[in-house]
Amino acid sequence: MDWSLLDWAEIGVATWDTLRMLGWSLFFTVLFGLPLGVMLFLTSRRQLLANGWLNRVLSFVANVLRSVPFLILLVVMIPVTAWLVGTSLGVEGSIPPLVVGATPFFARLVETALREVDRGVIEAVQSLGATRWQIVWKVLLPESRPGLMAAVTVTAITLVSYTAMSGVIGGGGLGDLAIRYGYQRFQTEVMIVTVVILIAMVQALQMAGDWLVARVSRK
């Protein structure tokens, strides 16, 4: 291996592109996934908005999207992505499939976190005359903060692996760099560096997530 062949400037750009994809896709995943997860919980049996038909529809959509392998989703969404952002390549072209792939995953984690809230607390607040909206914002979400923080952490780590896979269709970032140089041109040193950077990202995200969970758990 010839480490002198490494283009650190290009590696830096690819790392920044990966961080951009991660940041924007995580933002939109939480934006869409949190309400979906809340609705999955509220419409389930014995909950505030119990509605078997609606819950089954939401569950079906979430399960279908979760069952599609991400690489296939990338390819299937190329026309939709091009229509939404004007391109299916680069950072911009990777964000829509990243969001679609991660949102149902995050929503299920949100639903699980909400199920861990003590039902007695909800019933006590209901007996005091709280509205459904107040119960969601004043009880459910605050009481489930540790679980929600853990869900965001797990989703962020999952998105790191998704961003790497998006390089298969020219999505940019470290995955694209690893495929173009590490795989197609047999530059093993590029592959090693990209893997090390991705591992460092995952470790940093996990440590930050654990710190946030510990902090909100003490409050």
Foldseek 3Di string as FASTA:
>chain_A
DDPVPDDVVQQVVLAVLLVVLLVLLLVLLCVQQLVLLVVLQQCPPPHVNPDVVVNVVSVVLLVVLQPDPLLVLLVVCQVVQCVPQVGCAESSNLRVSLSSNLNSVLSNLNNVLLVPFDVVVLVVVVVVPDDPVCCVVVPRCLRSVLSNLVSSLVSSLVSLVSCLSSLVVRHGHLNVQCCVCCPPVVPVVSVVVSVVSSVVVNVVSVVVSVVSSVVSVVD
